Amino acid sequence: MSEMESAFSRLPDAELDVMLAVWRCEAPVTTARVAVLLPEARNWKTATLISFLSRLEKRGFLRAEKEGREYVYTPLVDRNEYLGNLTRDFFSRVHGGSIGSMLDALFGKEPIPDEVLDGLLSWLEGRS
């Protein structure tokens, strides 16, 4: 699978958690470092984490290289590119590209908090 194809394939939640941990580090990263950065709910044994890292390597998200007695991993897919593609796909599929639909889903009948509105206005002003 090419790097471009990898960037557009949706990862299962467990693999996404691993990639988010990898992306938080300066590459290359060790298994031990990834384990420390995983959510507490992912209380995996080392062998389980290694299996996920291996799957991500096979999918083209990571490159594994042996350094001494352990492997180190380097991301091959850019975090912002992947998350952007994932978000755009979700926005299009679930909300039909409608910002109103998305805001209704997020806030329902509740008022949109001022900090959210301020952030949105700031973003819009920066785009014009």
C-alpha atoms as a PDB file:
ATOM      1  CA  MET A   1       0.000   0.000   0.000  1.00  0.00           C
ATOM      2  CA  SER A   2       1.399   3.390  -0.903  1.00  0.00           C
ATOM      3  CA  GLU A   3       1.774   6.250   1.564  1.00  0.00           C
ATOM      4  CA  MET A   4      -1.022   8.124  -0.221  1.00  0.00           C
ATOM      5  CA  GLU A   5      -3.428   5.175   0.100  1.00  0.00           C
ATOM      6  CA  SER A   6      -2.534   4.840   3.803  1.00  0.00           C
ATOM      7  CA  ALA A   7      -3.365   8.471   4.474  1.00  0.00           C
ATOM      8  CA  PHE A   8      -6.920   7.889   3.255  1.00  0.00           C
ATOM      9  CA  SER A   9      -7.692   4.575   4.968  1.00  0.00           C
ATOM     10  CA  ARG A  10      -9.579   4.887   8.251  1.00  0.00           C
ATOM     11  CA  LEU A  11      -7.796   3.324  11.193  1.00  0.00           C
ATOM     12  CA  PRO A  12      -9.646   1.326  13.843  1.00  0.00           C
ATOM     13  CA  ASP A  13      -9.772   3.174  17.193  1.00  0.00           C
ATOM     14  CA  ALA A  14      -7.000   1.133  18.837  1.00  0.00           C
ATOM     15  CA  GLU A  15      -4.606   1.707  15.937  1.00  0.00           C
ATOM     16  CA  LEU A  16      -5.516   5.395  15.852  1.00  0.00           C
ATOM     17  CA  ASP A  17      -4.604   5.667  19.552  1.00  0.00           C
ATOM     18  CA  VAL A  18      -1.202   4.151  18.755  1.00  0.00           C
ATOM     19  CA  MET A  19      -0.640   6.534  15.841  1.00  0.00           C
ATOM     20  CA  LEU A  20      -1.669   9.544  17.951  1.00  0.00           C
ATOM     21  CA  ALA A  21       0.952   8.503  20.521  1.00  0.00           C
ATOM     22  CA  VAL A  22       3.599   8.065  17.804  1.00  0.00           C
ATOM     23  CA  TRP A  23       2.766  11.472  16.304  1.00  0.00           C
ATOM     24  CA  ARG A  24       3.260  13.115  19.716  1.00  0.00           C
ATOM     25  CA  CYS A  25       6.927  12.050  19.725  1.00  0.00           C
ATOM     26  CA  GLU A  26       9.996  13.108  17.874  1.00  0.00           C
ATOM     27  CA  ALA A  27      10.787  10.303  15.414  1.00  0.00           C
ATOM     28  CA  PRO A  28      11.996   7.662  15.642  1.00  0.00           C
ATOM     29  CA  VAL A  29      10.102   6.376  18.686  1.00  0.00           C
ATOM     30  CA  THR A  30      10.494   3.219  20.755  1.00  0.00           C
ATOM     31  CA  THR A  31       7.749   0.850  21.831  1.00  0.00           C
ATOM     32  CA  ALA A  32       8.294   1.885  25.456  1.00  0.00           C
ATOM     33  CA  ARG A  33       7.791   5.568  24.627  1.00  0.00           C
ATOM     34  CA  VAL A  34       4.568   4.829  22.724  1.00  0.00           C
ATOM     35  CA  ALA A  35       3.289   2.752  25.662  1.00  0.00           C
ATOM     36  CA  VAL A  36       3.757   5.690  28.050  1.00  0.00           C
ATOM     37  CA  LEU A  37       1.760   8.012  25.791  1.00  0.00           C
ATOM     38  CA  LEU A  38      -1.241   5.749  25.244  1.00  0.00           C
ATOM     39  CA  PRO A  39      -4.525   6.551  27.006  1.00  0.00           C
ATOM     40  CA  GLU A  40      -4.773   4.890  30.429  1.00  0.00           C
ATOM     41  CA  ALA A  41      -7.681   2.787  29.165  1.00  0.00           C
ATOM     42  CA  ARG A  42      -5.211   1.072  26.801  1.00  0.00           C
ATOM     43  CA  ASN A  43      -3.473  -0.926  29.491  1.00  0.00           C
ATOM     44  CA  TRP A  44      -1.918  -3.323  26.970  1.00  0.00           C
ATOM     45  CA  LYS A  45       0.890  -5.776  27.429  1.00  0.00           C
ATOM     46  CA  THR A  46       4.008  -5.009  25.377  1.00  0.00           C
ATOM     47  CA  ALA A  47       3.254  -7.870  22.967  1.00  0.00           C
ATOM     48  CA  THR A  48      -0.165  -6.366  22.178  1.00  0.00           C
ATOM     49  CA  LEU A  49       1.347  -2.960  21.454  1.00  0.00           C
ATOM     50  CA  ILE A  50       4.000  -4.550  19.238  1.00  0.00           C
ATOM     51  CA  SER A  51       1.211  -6.281  17.291  1.00  0.00           C
ATOM     52  CA  PHE A  52      -0.507  -2.936  16.672  1.00  0.00           C
ATOM     53  CA  LEU A  53       2.771  -1.316  15.632  1.00  0.00           C
ATOM     54  CA  SER A  54       3.376  -4.201  13.218  1.00  0.00           C
ATOM     55  CA  ARG A  55      -0.113  -3.794  11.731  1.00  0.00           C
ATOM     56  CA  LEU A  56       0.510  -0.079  11.246  1.00  0.00           C
ATOM     57  CA  GLU A  57       3.789  -0.879   9.518  1.00  0.00           C
ATOM     58  CA  LYS A  58       2.020  -3.307   7.164  1.00  0.00           C
ATOM     59  CA  ARG A  59      -0.637  -0.678   6.413  1.00  0.00           C
ATOM     60  CA  GLY A  60       2.100   1.804   5.450  1.00  0.00           C
ATOM     61  CA  PHE A  61       1.623   4.182   8.386  1.00  0.00           C
ATOM     62  CA  LEU A  62       4.978   3.388  10.033  1.00  0.00           C
ATOM     63  CA  ARG A  63       8.495   2.332   9.114  1.00  0.00           C
ATOM     64  CA  ALA A  64      10.209   0.006  11.588  1.00  0.00           C
ATOM     65  CA  GLU A  65      13.982  -0.194  11.902  1.00  0.00           C
ATOM     66  CA  LYS A  66      16.034  -2.331  14.223  1.00  0.00           C
ATOM     67  CA  GLU A  67      18.324  -0.330  16.517  1.00  0.00           C
ATOM     68  CA  GLY A  68      20.320  -2.557  18.786  1.00  0.00           C
ATOM     69  CA  ARG A  69      17.935  -4.940  20.485  1.00  0.00           C
ATOM     70  CA  GLU A  70      14.734  -3.056  19.773  1.00  0.00           C
ATOM     71  CA  TYR A  71      12.753  -1.569  16.925  1.00  0.00           C
ATOM     72  CA  VAL A  72      12.139   2.120  16.472  1.00  0.00           C
ATOM     73  CA  TYR A  73       9.234   3.501  14.488  1.00  0.00           C
ATOM     74  CA  THR A  74       8.943   6.487  12.183  1.00  0.00           C
ATOM     75  CA  PRO A  75       5.580   7.755  10.925  1.00  0.00           C
ATOM     76  CA  LEU A  76       5.188   7.694   7.146  1.00  0.00           C
ATOM     77  CA  VAL A  77       1.827   9.480   7.170  1.00  0.00           C
ATOM     78  CA  ASP A  78       1.543  13.101   8.275  1.00  0.00           C
ATOM     79  CA  ARG A  79      -0.699  13.620  11.315  1.00  0.00           C
ATOM     80  CA  ASN A  80      -2.438  16.755  10.013  1.00  0.00           C
ATOM     81  CA  GLU A  81      -3.028  15.226   6.594  1.00  0.00           C
ATOM     82  CA  TYR A  82      -4.527  12.053   8.077  1.00  0.00           C
ATOM     83  CA  LEU A  83      -6.726  13.853  10.617  1.00  0.00           C
ATOM     84  CA  GLY A  84      -7.831  16.371   7.980  1.00  0.00           C
ATOM     85  CA  ASN A  85      -8.887  13.581   5.626  1.00  0.00           C
ATOM     86  CA  LEU A  86     -10.660  11.727   8.439  1.00  0.00           C
ATOM     87  CA  THR A  87     -12.506  14.863   9.553  1.00  0.00           C
ATOM     88  CA  ARG A  88     -13.512  15.893   6.030  1.00  0.00           C
ATOM     89  CA  ASP A  89     -14.814  12.368   5.352  1.00  0.00           C
ATOM     90  CA  PHE A  90     -16.847  12.386   8.586  1.00  0.00           C
ATOM     91  CA  PHE A  91     -18.181  15.892   7.915  1.00  0.00           C
ATOM     92  CA  SER A  92     -19.233  14.945   4.397  1.00  0.00           C
ATOM     93  CA  ARG A  93     -20.727  11.526   5.207  1.00  0.00           C
ATOM     94  CA  VAL A  94     -22.461  12.341   8.486  1.00  0.00           C
ATOM     95  CA  HIS A  95     -23.403  15.991   8.010  1.00  0.00           C
ATOM     96  CA  GLY A  96     -23.615  16.201   4.226  1.00  0.00           C
ATOM     97  CA  GLY A  97     -21.114  19.056   4.314  1.00  0.00           C
ATOM     98  CA  SER A  98     -23.484  21.211   6.377  1.00  0.00           C
ATOM     99  CA  ILE A  99     -21.909  23.278   9.137  1.00  0.00           C
ATOM    100  CA  GLY A 100     -25.395  23.908  10.528  1.00  0.00           C
ATOM    101  CA  SER A 101     -26.004  20.164  10.851  1.00  0.00           C
ATOM    102  CA  MET A 102     -22.686  19.714  12.609  1.00  0.00           C
ATOM    103  CA  LEU A 103     -23.313  22.581  15.054  1.00  0.00           C
ATOM    104  CA  ASP A 104     -26.825  21.278  15.777  1.00  0.00           C
ATOM    105  CA  ALA A 105     -25.350  17.867  16.560  1.00  0.00           C
ATOM    106  CA  LEU A 106     -22.678  19.379  18.802  1.00  0.00           C
ATOM    107  CA  PHE A 107     -24.835  21.855  20.713  1.00  0.00           C
ATOM    108  CA  GLY A 108     -28.483  20.943  20.084  1.00  0.00           C
ATOM    109  CA  LYS A 109     -30.698  23.659  21.534  1.00  0.00           C
ATOM    110  CA  GLU A 110     -27.990  24.853  23.935  1.00  0.00           C
ATOM    111  CA  PRO A 111     -26.311  28.160  23.153  1.00  0.00           C
ATOM    112  CA  ILE A 112     -22.894  27.865  21.547  1.00  0.00           C
ATOM    113  CA  PRO A 113     -20.306  28.822  24.199  1.00  0.00           C
ATOM    114  CA  ASP A 114     -18.620  32.200  23.736  1.00  0.00           C
ATOM    115  CA  GLU A 115     -15.153  30.635  23.536  1.00  0.00           C
ATOM    116  CA  VAL A 116     -16.308  28.436  20.645  1.00  0.00           C
ATOM    117  CA  LEU A 117     -17.834  31.421  18.837  1.00  0.00           C
ATOM    118  CA  ASP A 118     -14.695  33.507  19.493  1.00  0.00           C
ATOM    119  CA  GLY A 119     -12.508  30.701  18.124  1.00  0.00           C
ATOM    120  CA  LEU A 120     -14.711  30.357  15.043  1.00  0.00           C
ATOM    121  CA  LEU A 121     -14.702  34.114  14.396  1.00  0.00           C
ATOM    122  CA  SER A 122     -10.943  34.275  14.842  1.00  0.00           C
ATOM    123  CA  TRP A 123     -10.503  31.380  12.412  1.00  0.00           C
ATOM    124  CA  LEU A 124     -12.820  33.000   9.854  1.00  0.00           C
ATOM    125  CA  GLU A 125     -11.029  36.341  10.110  1.00  0.00           C
ATOM    126  CA  GLY A 126      -7.698  34.581   9.551  1.00  0.00           C
ATOM    127  CA  ARG A 127      -9.064  32.916   6.407  1.00  0.00           C
ATOM    128  CA  SER A 128     -10.209  36.116   4.681  1.00  0.00           C
END
